[in-house]
N, C-alpha and C. Protein backbone atom coordinates (compact mmCIF):
# COMPACT_ATOMS: atom_id res chain seq x y z
N UNK A 1 30.47 -133.87 -12.15
CA UNK A 1 29.92 -132.93 -13.12
C UNK A 1 30.78 -132.93 -14.38
N UNK A 2 30.15 -132.71 -15.51
CA UNK A 2 30.83 -132.71 -16.79
C UNK A 2 31.42 -131.34 -17.11
N UNK A 3 32.46 -131.35 -17.94
CA UNK A 3 33.03 -130.12 -18.45
C UNK A 3 32.23 -129.71 -19.68
N UNK A 4 31.81 -128.46 -19.71
CA UNK A 4 30.94 -127.94 -20.76
C UNK A 4 31.66 -126.84 -21.53
N UNK A 5 31.38 -126.74 -22.84
CA UNK A 5 31.95 -125.68 -23.68
C UNK A 5 30.86 -124.64 -23.96
N UNK A 6 31.23 -123.38 -23.80
CA UNK A 6 30.35 -122.25 -24.09
C UNK A 6 31.03 -121.40 -25.15
N UNK A 7 30.43 -121.28 -26.32
CA UNK A 7 30.97 -120.45 -27.40
C UNK A 7 30.28 -119.10 -27.35
N UNK A 8 31.08 -118.03 -27.19
CA UNK A 8 30.52 -116.67 -27.10
C UNK A 8 31.58 -115.65 -27.48
N UNK A 9 31.22 -114.70 -28.30
CA UNK A 9 32.06 -113.57 -28.69
C UNK A 9 33.44 -114.04 -29.18
N UNK A 10 33.45 -115.09 -29.99
CA UNK A 10 34.69 -115.59 -30.56
C UNK A 10 35.56 -116.38 -29.62
N UNK A 11 35.05 -116.70 -28.46
CA UNK A 11 35.81 -117.45 -27.47
C UNK A 11 35.12 -118.79 -27.19
N UNK A 12 35.92 -119.78 -26.84
CA UNK A 12 35.38 -121.04 -26.35
C UNK A 12 35.72 -121.12 -24.87
N UNK A 13 34.70 -121.06 -24.05
CA UNK A 13 34.86 -121.05 -22.60
C UNK A 13 34.56 -122.44 -22.06
N UNK A 14 35.15 -122.76 -20.95
CA UNK A 14 34.92 -124.05 -20.32
C UNK A 14 34.33 -123.80 -18.93
N UNK A 15 33.32 -124.57 -18.59
CA UNK A 15 32.70 -124.45 -17.26
C UNK A 15 32.20 -125.81 -16.80
N UNK A 16 31.77 -125.87 -15.60
CA UNK A 16 31.17 -127.08 -15.05
C UNK A 16 29.69 -127.13 -15.42
N UNK A 17 29.17 -128.32 -15.61
CA UNK A 17 27.75 -128.48 -15.85
C UNK A 17 26.98 -127.88 -14.68
N UNK A 18 25.96 -127.10 -14.97
CA UNK A 18 25.16 -126.45 -13.94
C UNK A 18 25.60 -125.04 -13.61
N UNK A 19 26.68 -124.58 -14.25
CA UNK A 19 27.17 -123.22 -13.99
C UNK A 19 26.17 -122.18 -14.45
N UNK A 20 26.19 -121.03 -13.78
CA UNK A 20 25.35 -119.90 -14.16
C UNK A 20 25.96 -119.24 -15.39
N UNK A 21 25.17 -119.07 -16.44
CA UNK A 21 25.67 -118.54 -17.71
C UNK A 21 26.25 -117.13 -17.56
N UNK A 22 25.59 -116.26 -16.82
CA UNK A 22 26.09 -114.89 -16.62
C UNK A 22 27.48 -114.91 -15.99
N UNK A 23 27.64 -115.70 -14.96
CA UNK A 23 28.93 -115.76 -14.27
C UNK A 23 30.02 -116.30 -15.18
N UNK A 24 29.71 -117.30 -15.97
CA UNK A 24 30.69 -117.87 -16.90
C UNK A 24 31.14 -116.80 -17.90
N UNK A 25 30.18 -116.09 -18.50
CA UNK A 25 30.51 -115.08 -19.50
C UNK A 25 31.35 -113.96 -18.89
N UNK A 26 30.94 -113.45 -17.74
CA UNK A 26 31.68 -112.36 -17.11
C UNK A 26 33.07 -112.79 -16.66
N UNK A 27 33.21 -113.99 -16.12
CA UNK A 27 34.52 -114.49 -15.68
C UNK A 27 35.51 -114.59 -16.83
N UNK A 28 34.99 -114.77 -18.05
CA UNK A 28 35.85 -114.89 -19.23
C UNK A 28 35.87 -113.61 -20.07
N UNK A 29 35.46 -112.51 -19.45
CA UNK A 29 35.52 -111.17 -20.06
C UNK A 29 34.75 -111.04 -21.37
N UNK A 30 33.61 -111.72 -21.44
CA UNK A 30 32.70 -111.56 -22.56
C UNK A 30 31.85 -110.32 -22.28
N UNK A 31 31.67 -109.47 -23.29
CA UNK A 31 30.88 -108.23 -23.15
C UNK A 31 29.39 -108.57 -23.14
N UNK A 32 28.88 -108.88 -21.98
CA UNK A 32 27.49 -109.30 -21.84
C UNK A 32 26.50 -108.14 -21.92
N UNK A 33 26.91 -106.97 -21.48
CA UNK A 33 25.99 -105.83 -21.40
C UNK A 33 26.27 -104.81 -22.49
N UNK A 34 25.20 -104.20 -23.00
CA UNK A 34 25.29 -103.16 -24.02
C UNK A 34 25.28 -101.79 -23.37
N UNK A 35 26.19 -100.91 -23.79
CA UNK A 35 26.19 -99.53 -23.34
C UNK A 35 26.25 -99.38 -21.83
N UNK A 36 25.42 -98.49 -21.31
CA UNK A 36 25.40 -98.18 -19.88
C UNK A 36 24.87 -99.32 -19.02
N UNK A 37 24.33 -100.35 -19.65
CA UNK A 37 23.87 -101.52 -18.89
C UNK A 37 25.04 -102.19 -18.18
N UNK A 38 26.27 -101.90 -18.64
CA UNK A 38 27.45 -102.43 -17.95
C UNK A 38 27.53 -101.89 -16.53
N UNK A 39 27.00 -100.70 -16.34
CA UNK A 39 27.03 -100.03 -15.04
C UNK A 39 25.71 -100.22 -14.30
N UNK A 40 24.62 -100.08 -15.05
CA UNK A 40 23.29 -100.11 -14.46
C UNK A 40 22.64 -101.45 -14.79
N UNK A 41 22.85 -102.44 -13.95
CA UNK A 41 22.17 -103.73 -14.11
C UNK A 41 21.92 -104.29 -12.72
N UNK A 42 21.13 -105.32 -12.63
CA UNK A 42 20.70 -105.85 -11.33
C UNK A 42 21.72 -106.79 -10.69
N UNK A 43 22.85 -107.00 -11.34
CA UNK A 43 23.94 -107.84 -10.80
C UNK A 43 23.53 -109.30 -10.64
N UNK A 44 22.59 -109.72 -11.47
CA UNK A 44 22.27 -111.14 -11.52
C UNK A 44 21.06 -111.62 -10.75
N UNK A 45 20.23 -110.70 -10.28
CA UNK A 45 19.06 -111.16 -9.52
C UNK A 45 17.81 -111.35 -10.41
N UNK A 46 17.94 -111.03 -11.69
CA UNK A 46 16.86 -111.32 -12.62
C UNK A 46 15.79 -110.27 -12.75
N UNK A 47 16.06 -109.04 -12.33
CA UNK A 47 15.01 -108.02 -12.38
C UNK A 47 15.16 -107.02 -13.51
N UNK A 48 16.36 -106.84 -14.05
CA UNK A 48 16.53 -105.78 -15.05
C UNK A 48 16.36 -106.26 -16.49
N UNK A 49 16.81 -107.46 -16.80
CA UNK A 49 16.67 -108.00 -18.15
C UNK A 49 17.76 -107.61 -19.11
N UNK A 50 18.81 -106.93 -18.66
CA UNK A 50 19.86 -106.45 -19.57
C UNK A 50 20.83 -107.54 -20.01
N UNK A 51 20.79 -108.70 -19.40
CA UNK A 51 21.69 -109.80 -19.77
C UNK A 51 21.02 -110.77 -20.74
N UNK A 52 19.96 -110.33 -21.41
CA UNK A 52 19.24 -111.20 -22.35
C UNK A 52 20.14 -111.59 -23.52
N UNK A 53 20.15 -112.88 -23.82
CA UNK A 53 20.95 -113.42 -24.92
C UNK A 53 20.15 -114.52 -25.63
N UNK A 54 20.60 -114.85 -26.81
CA UNK A 54 20.07 -116.02 -27.52
C UNK A 54 21.00 -117.17 -27.19
N UNK A 55 20.44 -118.27 -26.74
CA UNK A 55 21.24 -119.43 -26.36
C UNK A 55 20.78 -120.64 -27.17
N UNK A 56 21.75 -121.28 -27.82
CA UNK A 56 21.50 -122.53 -28.53
C UNK A 56 22.23 -123.63 -27.78
N UNK A 57 21.53 -124.66 -27.42
CA UNK A 57 22.15 -125.76 -26.70
C UNK A 57 21.35 -126.11 -25.47
N UNK A 58 21.93 -126.95 -24.65
CA UNK A 58 21.22 -127.47 -23.50
C UNK A 58 21.40 -126.58 -22.27
N UNK A 59 20.30 -125.96 -21.86
CA UNK A 59 20.30 -125.11 -20.67
C UNK A 59 19.06 -125.44 -19.83
N UNK A 60 19.04 -124.91 -18.62
CA UNK A 60 17.90 -125.11 -17.72
C UNK A 60 16.64 -124.50 -18.30
N UNK A 61 15.52 -124.99 -17.85
CA UNK A 61 14.23 -124.42 -18.24
C UNK A 61 14.13 -123.02 -17.64
N UNK A 62 13.43 -122.10 -18.31
CA UNK A 62 13.26 -120.76 -17.74
C UNK A 62 12.55 -120.82 -16.39
N UNK A 63 13.10 -120.12 -15.38
CA UNK A 63 12.43 -120.06 -14.08
C UNK A 63 11.44 -118.90 -14.08
N UNK A 64 10.74 -118.71 -12.97
CA UNK A 64 9.70 -117.68 -12.91
C UNK A 64 10.27 -116.28 -13.09
N UNK A 65 11.48 -116.01 -12.59
CA UNK A 65 12.08 -114.67 -12.76
C UNK A 65 12.36 -114.39 -14.23
N UNK A 66 12.93 -115.37 -14.91
CA UNK A 66 13.23 -115.23 -16.33
C UNK A 66 11.95 -114.98 -17.12
N UNK A 67 10.95 -115.81 -16.89
CA UNK A 67 9.68 -115.66 -17.61
C UNK A 67 9.01 -114.33 -17.30
N UNK A 68 9.01 -113.93 -16.04
CA UNK A 68 8.34 -112.68 -15.64
C UNK A 68 9.01 -111.47 -16.29
N UNK A 69 10.34 -111.40 -16.22
CA UNK A 69 11.02 -110.22 -16.76
C UNK A 69 10.90 -110.16 -18.27
N UNK A 70 11.02 -111.31 -18.94
CA UNK A 70 10.91 -111.31 -20.40
C UNK A 70 9.47 -111.12 -20.89
N UNK A 71 8.50 -111.14 -19.98
CA UNK A 71 7.12 -110.89 -20.38
C UNK A 71 6.79 -109.40 -20.38
N UNK A 72 7.74 -108.58 -19.89
CA UNK A 72 7.54 -107.13 -19.81
C UNK A 72 8.35 -106.40 -20.88
N UNK A 73 7.81 -105.29 -21.43
CA UNK A 73 8.56 -104.50 -22.40
C UNK A 73 9.86 -103.99 -21.82
N UNK A 74 10.88 -103.84 -22.63
CA UNK A 74 10.89 -104.01 -24.09
C UNK A 74 11.07 -105.44 -24.55
N UNK A 75 11.13 -106.39 -23.64
CA UNK A 75 11.23 -107.79 -24.03
C UNK A 75 9.88 -108.30 -24.50
N UNK A 76 9.92 -109.49 -25.08
CA UNK A 76 8.71 -110.15 -25.52
C UNK A 76 8.82 -111.62 -25.13
N UNK A 77 7.77 -112.18 -24.56
CA UNK A 77 7.84 -113.58 -24.16
C UNK A 77 8.00 -114.54 -25.34
N UNK A 78 7.71 -114.05 -26.54
CA UNK A 78 7.83 -114.90 -27.73
C UNK A 78 9.20 -114.78 -28.40
N UNK A 79 10.01 -113.82 -27.97
CA UNK A 79 11.35 -113.67 -28.55
C UNK A 79 12.25 -114.80 -28.05
N UNK A 80 13.19 -115.17 -28.88
CA UNK A 80 14.11 -116.25 -28.56
C UNK A 80 15.25 -115.71 -27.68
N UNK A 81 14.94 -115.37 -26.44
CA UNK A 81 15.93 -114.82 -25.52
C UNK A 81 15.85 -115.54 -24.18
N UNK A 82 16.95 -115.48 -23.45
CA UNK A 82 17.01 -115.96 -22.08
C UNK A 82 17.81 -114.95 -21.27
N UNK A 83 17.51 -114.83 -19.99
CA UNK A 83 18.33 -114.01 -19.11
C UNK A 83 19.51 -114.87 -18.69
N UNK A 84 20.72 -114.42 -19.01
CA UNK A 84 21.92 -115.20 -18.69
C UNK A 84 22.03 -115.44 -17.19
N UNK A 85 21.58 -114.46 -16.39
CA UNK A 85 21.70 -114.59 -14.94
C UNK A 85 20.79 -115.65 -14.34
N UNK A 86 19.78 -116.07 -15.08
CA UNK A 86 18.83 -117.06 -14.58
C UNK A 86 18.94 -118.39 -15.33
N UNK A 87 20.02 -118.55 -16.08
CA UNK A 87 20.19 -119.72 -16.92
C UNK A 87 21.37 -120.58 -16.46
N UNK A 88 21.12 -121.85 -16.29
CA UNK A 88 22.16 -122.82 -15.94
C UNK A 88 22.58 -123.58 -17.20
N UNK A 89 23.88 -123.73 -17.39
CA UNK A 89 24.42 -124.42 -18.56
C UNK A 89 24.45 -125.93 -18.25
N UNK A 90 23.75 -126.70 -19.08
CA UNK A 90 23.66 -128.14 -18.85
C UNK A 90 24.44 -128.96 -19.89
N UNK A 91 24.73 -128.34 -21.02
CA UNK A 91 25.49 -128.98 -22.10
C UNK A 91 26.17 -127.90 -22.90
N UNK A 92 26.91 -128.28 -23.94
CA UNK A 92 27.59 -127.29 -24.78
C UNK A 92 26.57 -126.30 -25.34
N UNK A 93 26.92 -125.01 -25.32
CA UNK A 93 26.00 -123.97 -25.80
C UNK A 93 26.73 -122.95 -26.67
N UNK A 94 25.94 -122.27 -27.48
CA UNK A 94 26.40 -121.16 -28.31
C UNK A 94 25.55 -119.95 -27.93
N UNK A 95 26.21 -118.81 -27.70
CA UNK A 95 25.52 -117.63 -27.19
C UNK A 95 25.68 -116.48 -28.19
N UNK A 96 24.59 -115.77 -28.44
CA UNK A 96 24.57 -114.59 -29.32
C UNK A 96 23.97 -113.43 -28.55
N UNK A 97 24.56 -112.24 -28.70
CA UNK A 97 24.05 -111.01 -28.06
C UNK A 97 23.51 -110.07 -29.12
N UNK A 98 22.33 -109.52 -28.86
CA UNK A 98 21.70 -108.57 -29.78
C UNK A 98 21.78 -107.16 -29.21
N UNK A 99 21.47 -106.19 -30.05
CA UNK A 99 21.55 -104.78 -29.67
C UNK A 99 20.38 -104.37 -28.79
N UNK A 100 20.37 -103.11 -28.42
CA UNK A 100 19.37 -102.58 -27.51
C UNK A 100 19.89 -102.63 -26.09
N UNK A 101 19.47 -101.70 -25.28
CA UNK A 101 19.94 -101.62 -23.89
C UNK A 101 19.75 -102.95 -23.17
N UNK A 102 18.62 -103.60 -23.42
CA UNK A 102 18.27 -104.86 -22.75
C UNK A 102 18.64 -106.09 -23.58
N UNK A 103 19.30 -105.88 -24.72
CA UNK A 103 19.61 -107.01 -25.60
C UNK A 103 18.40 -107.51 -26.35
N UNK A 104 17.38 -106.65 -26.44
CA UNK A 104 16.11 -107.05 -27.03
C UNK A 104 16.03 -106.79 -28.53
N UNK A 105 17.05 -106.14 -29.10
CA UNK A 105 16.99 -105.74 -30.51
C UNK A 105 17.10 -106.89 -31.48
N UNK A 106 17.05 -106.52 -32.77
CA UNK A 106 17.12 -107.52 -33.84
C UNK A 106 18.46 -107.57 -34.53
N UNK A 107 19.36 -106.63 -34.20
CA UNK A 107 20.68 -106.60 -34.80
C UNK A 107 21.67 -107.34 -33.90
N UNK A 108 22.52 -108.13 -34.49
CA UNK A 108 23.50 -108.90 -33.73
C UNK A 108 24.66 -108.02 -33.31
N UNK A 109 25.04 -108.07 -32.04
CA UNK A 109 26.22 -107.37 -31.51
C UNK A 109 27.42 -108.31 -31.61
N UNK A 110 27.26 -109.53 -31.15
CA UNK A 110 28.27 -110.57 -31.33
C UNK A 110 27.61 -111.93 -31.38
N UNK A 111 28.34 -112.86 -32.00
CA UNK A 111 27.87 -114.23 -32.13
C UNK A 111 28.90 -115.14 -31.45
N UNK A 112 28.67 -116.44 -31.47
CA UNK A 112 29.67 -117.33 -30.91
C UNK A 112 31.03 -117.18 -31.61
N UNK A 113 31.00 -116.85 -32.91
CA UNK A 113 32.23 -116.76 -33.68
C UNK A 113 32.91 -115.40 -33.61
N UNK A 114 32.18 -114.33 -33.32
CA UNK A 114 32.77 -112.98 -33.32
C UNK A 114 33.45 -112.66 -32.03
């Protein structure tokens, strides 16, 4: 497996190809959740949608859990978001987090550089 770089919240993280994006971010102390979502989230099973992020780079195709949850409000299936818990990192990626309890907002909370 290849070594992959993940840029998030001003950090450059290293992981193995195929790693779960949520686990990589949390292991490197990236603030993945907004507000109380840090406490109230599904712990990675893909049902709550609070780990939604914008991902640029090579990642796995959205699975049925990712598609299903992002098709329900407050998410939108047309928004450029992915559930970190359902995303596998396949190549170098850049991650951005937006506001809103579910990360569904339009204001940036952090970028790869912040």
